[in-house]
């Protein structure tokens, strides 16, 4: 699986189409995000990403992301 780091520029699919943003944090332990527990581990981290266009913050697993630039 591809690993990403803070500052990487990535894109992912959403209901509105492709979205891009910058990774602002990498979570390797379970974390509360928008009222729900997101299960994370060093082997399966989740990435907190700020959208380029809307400043919306999303969290995704690495399998949903593609590095750009």
N, C-alpha and C. Protein backbone atom coordinates (compact mmCIF):
# COMPACT_ATOMS: atom_id res chain seq x y z
N UNK A 1 0.85 -1.18 0.00
CA UNK A 1 0.00 0.00 0.00
C UNK A 1 0.89 1.25 0.00
N UNK A 2 0.46 2.25 -0.71
CA UNK A 2 1.20 3.50 -0.79
C UNK A 2 1.10 4.25 0.54
N UNK A 3 2.22 4.78 0.99
CA UNK A 3 2.26 5.60 2.21
C UNK A 3 2.35 7.06 1.81
N UNK A 4 1.70 7.91 2.59
CA UNK A 4 1.71 9.33 2.35
C UNK A 4 2.24 10.05 3.57
N UNK A 5 2.63 11.31 3.42
CA UNK A 5 3.18 12.10 4.52
C UNK A 5 2.51 13.46 4.57
N UNK A 6 2.64 14.13 5.73
CA UNK A 6 2.14 15.49 5.85
C UNK A 6 2.73 16.34 4.73
N UNK A 7 1.89 17.15 4.12
CA UNK A 7 2.33 18.03 3.05
C UNK A 7 2.15 17.45 1.66
N UNK A 8 1.89 16.13 1.55
CA UNK A 8 1.65 15.54 0.23
C UNK A 8 0.35 16.09 -0.35
N UNK A 9 0.36 16.32 -1.65
CA UNK A 9 -0.84 16.79 -2.36
C UNK A 9 -1.48 15.55 -2.98
N UNK A 10 -2.75 15.29 -2.63
CA UNK A 10 -3.43 14.07 -3.06
C UNK A 10 -4.81 14.40 -3.63
N UNK A 11 -5.39 13.40 -4.29
CA UNK A 11 -6.77 13.53 -4.75
C UNK A 11 -7.53 12.27 -4.41
N UNK A 12 -8.87 12.40 -4.35
CA UNK A 12 -9.73 11.28 -4.04
C UNK A 12 -11.08 11.53 -4.69
N UNK A 13 -11.89 10.49 -4.77
CA UNK A 13 -13.23 10.60 -5.33
C UNK A 13 -14.23 10.92 -4.23
N UNK A 14 -15.16 11.82 -4.54
CA UNK A 14 -16.25 12.12 -3.63
C UNK A 14 -17.55 12.07 -4.43
N UNK A 15 -18.66 12.31 -3.76
CA UNK A 15 -19.95 12.32 -4.46
C UNK A 15 -19.98 13.38 -5.55
N UNK A 16 -19.20 14.45 -5.37
CA UNK A 16 -19.18 15.56 -6.33
C UNK A 16 -18.10 15.40 -7.39
N UNK A 17 -17.38 14.29 -7.38
CA UNK A 17 -16.30 14.06 -8.34
C UNK A 17 -14.95 14.08 -7.66
N UNK A 18 -13.90 14.29 -8.44
CA UNK A 18 -12.54 14.29 -7.89
C UNK A 18 -12.30 15.54 -7.05
N UNK A 19 -11.67 15.34 -5.89
CA UNK A 19 -11.33 16.42 -4.97
C UNK A 19 -9.84 16.31 -4.70
N UNK A 20 -9.18 17.45 -4.53
CA UNK A 20 -7.76 17.42 -4.20
C UNK A 20 -7.51 18.25 -2.96
N UNK A 21 -6.42 17.93 -2.28
CA UNK A 21 -6.07 18.65 -1.06
C UNK A 21 -4.71 18.25 -0.56
N UNK A 22 -4.34 18.81 0.58
CA UNK A 22 -3.03 18.57 1.17
C UNK A 22 -3.21 17.83 2.49
N UNK A 23 -2.40 16.81 2.71
CA UNK A 23 -2.45 16.06 3.96
C UNK A 23 -1.92 16.94 5.08
N UNK A 24 -2.74 17.09 6.13
CA UNK A 24 -2.36 17.93 7.26
C UNK A 24 -1.97 17.10 8.48
N UNK A 25 -2.37 15.82 8.51
CA UNK A 25 -2.01 14.97 9.64
C UNK A 25 -2.12 13.51 9.23
N UNK A 26 -1.29 12.68 9.86
CA UNK A 26 -1.32 11.24 9.64
C UNK A 26 -1.66 10.60 10.98
N UNK A 27 -2.71 9.79 11.01
CA UNK A 27 -3.16 9.16 12.26
C UNK A 27 -2.82 7.68 12.23
N UNK A 28 -2.08 7.24 13.25
CA UNK A 28 -1.69 5.83 13.37
C UNK A 28 -2.30 5.17 14.60
N UNK A 29 -3.12 5.91 15.34
CA UNK A 29 -3.88 5.37 16.48
C UNK A 29 -5.32 5.82 16.30
N UNK A 30 -6.26 5.05 16.87
CA UNK A 30 -7.68 5.40 16.77
C UNK A 30 -7.88 6.86 17.16
N UNK A 31 -8.76 7.53 16.42
CA UNK A 31 -8.98 8.96 16.64
C UNK A 31 -10.47 9.27 16.47
N UNK A 32 -10.95 10.22 17.24
CA UNK A 32 -12.32 10.72 17.10
C UNK A 32 -12.31 11.78 16.01
N UNK A 33 -13.15 11.63 15.00
CA UNK A 33 -13.20 12.57 13.88
C UNK A 33 -14.66 12.79 13.51
N UNK A 34 -15.12 14.03 13.67
CA UNK A 34 -16.50 14.41 13.34
C UNK A 34 -17.51 13.49 14.02
N UNK A 35 -17.26 13.21 15.32
CA UNK A 35 -18.21 12.45 16.11
C UNK A 35 -18.13 10.94 15.97
N UNK A 36 -17.17 10.44 15.21
CA UNK A 36 -17.05 8.99 15.02
C UNK A 36 -15.62 8.55 15.27
N UNK A 37 -15.46 7.34 15.77
CA UNK A 37 -14.12 6.80 15.98
C UNK A 37 -13.61 6.24 14.67
N UNK A 38 -12.44 6.71 14.25
CA UNK A 38 -11.79 6.20 13.05
C UNK A 38 -10.68 5.26 13.51
N UNK A 39 -10.70 4.03 13.03
CA UNK A 39 -9.73 3.02 13.44
C UNK A 39 -8.48 3.13 12.57
N UNK A 40 -7.35 3.39 13.23
CA UNK A 40 -6.08 3.61 12.54
C UNK A 40 -5.00 2.80 13.24
N UNK A 41 -3.96 2.46 12.49
CA UNK A 41 -2.81 1.77 13.06
C UNK A 41 -1.59 2.15 12.23
N UNK A 42 -0.39 1.86 12.72
CA UNK A 42 0.80 2.13 11.91
C UNK A 42 0.78 1.39 10.57
N UNK A 43 0.15 0.21 10.55
CA UNK A 43 0.06 -0.57 9.31
C UNK A 43 -1.06 -0.09 8.40
N UNK A 44 -2.05 0.60 8.96
CA UNK A 44 -3.21 1.06 8.20
C UNK A 44 -3.61 2.46 8.68
N UNK A 45 -2.77 3.47 8.41
CA UNK A 45 -3.07 4.83 8.89
C UNK A 45 -4.22 5.47 8.12
N UNK A 46 -4.76 6.52 8.70
CA UNK A 46 -5.72 7.36 7.99
C UNK A 46 -5.14 8.76 7.91
N UNK A 47 -5.52 9.45 6.84
CA UNK A 47 -4.92 10.74 6.52
C UNK A 47 -5.95 11.84 6.60
N UNK A 48 -5.63 12.90 7.35
CA UNK A 48 -6.48 14.07 7.46
C UNK A 48 -6.06 15.03 6.35
N UNK A 49 -7.03 15.47 5.54
CA UNK A 49 -6.73 16.23 4.34
C UNK A 49 -7.60 17.49 4.27
N UNK A 50 -6.98 18.61 3.95
CA UNK A 50 -7.72 19.88 3.77
C UNK A 50 -7.91 20.10 2.27
N UNK A 51 -9.16 20.24 1.85
CA UNK A 51 -9.50 20.44 0.44
C UNK A 51 -8.89 21.73 -0.10
N UNK A 52 -8.41 21.67 -1.32
CA UNK A 52 -7.84 22.86 -1.97
C UNK A 52 -8.88 23.96 -2.19
N UNK A 53 -10.10 23.56 -2.55
CA UNK A 53 -11.11 24.54 -2.95
C UNK A 53 -11.96 25.07 -1.80
N UNK A 54 -12.30 24.20 -0.84
CA UNK A 54 -13.29 24.60 0.15
C UNK A 54 -12.75 24.67 1.58
N UNK A 55 -11.53 24.25 1.81
CA UNK A 55 -10.95 24.15 3.15
C UNK A 55 -11.67 23.11 4.01
N UNK A 56 -12.58 22.32 3.42
CA UNK A 56 -13.23 21.22 4.12
C UNK A 56 -12.14 20.22 4.54
N UNK A 57 -12.28 19.63 5.73
CA UNK A 57 -11.32 18.64 6.20
C UNK A 57 -11.97 17.27 6.11
N UNK A 58 -11.28 16.34 5.47
CA UNK A 58 -11.76 14.97 5.31
C UNK A 58 -10.71 14.01 5.86
N UNK A 59 -11.11 12.77 6.09
CA UNK A 59 -10.17 11.75 6.52
C UNK A 59 -10.39 10.51 5.66
N UNK A 60 -9.30 9.97 5.13
CA UNK A 60 -9.38 8.81 4.25
C UNK A 60 -8.24 7.85 4.52
N UNK A 61 -8.47 6.58 4.17
CA UNK A 61 -7.40 5.59 4.17
C UNK A 61 -6.57 5.79 2.91
N UNK A 62 -5.35 5.28 2.95
CA UNK A 62 -4.43 5.45 1.82
C UNK A 62 -4.94 4.86 0.51
N UNK A 63 -5.73 3.79 0.57
CA UNK A 63 -6.24 3.17 -0.64
C UNK A 63 -7.17 4.06 -1.44
N UNK A 64 -7.74 5.08 -0.81
CA UNK A 64 -8.65 6.00 -1.49
C UNK A 64 -7.93 7.18 -2.12
N UNK A 65 -6.61 7.31 -1.86
CA UNK A 65 -5.87 8.50 -2.28
C UNK A 65 -4.90 8.21 -3.41
N UNK A 66 -4.67 9.24 -4.22
CA UNK A 66 -3.65 9.21 -5.27
C UNK A 66 -2.81 10.46 -5.12
N UNK A 67 -1.48 10.29 -5.08
CA UNK A 67 -0.60 11.43 -4.96
C UNK A 67 -0.53 12.18 -6.29
N UNK A 68 -0.61 13.51 -6.22
CA UNK A 68 -0.48 14.34 -7.42
C UNK A 68 0.66 15.31 -7.20
N UNK A 69 1.20 15.86 -8.27
CA UNK A 69 2.36 16.75 -8.29
C UNK A 69 3.57 15.97 -7.94
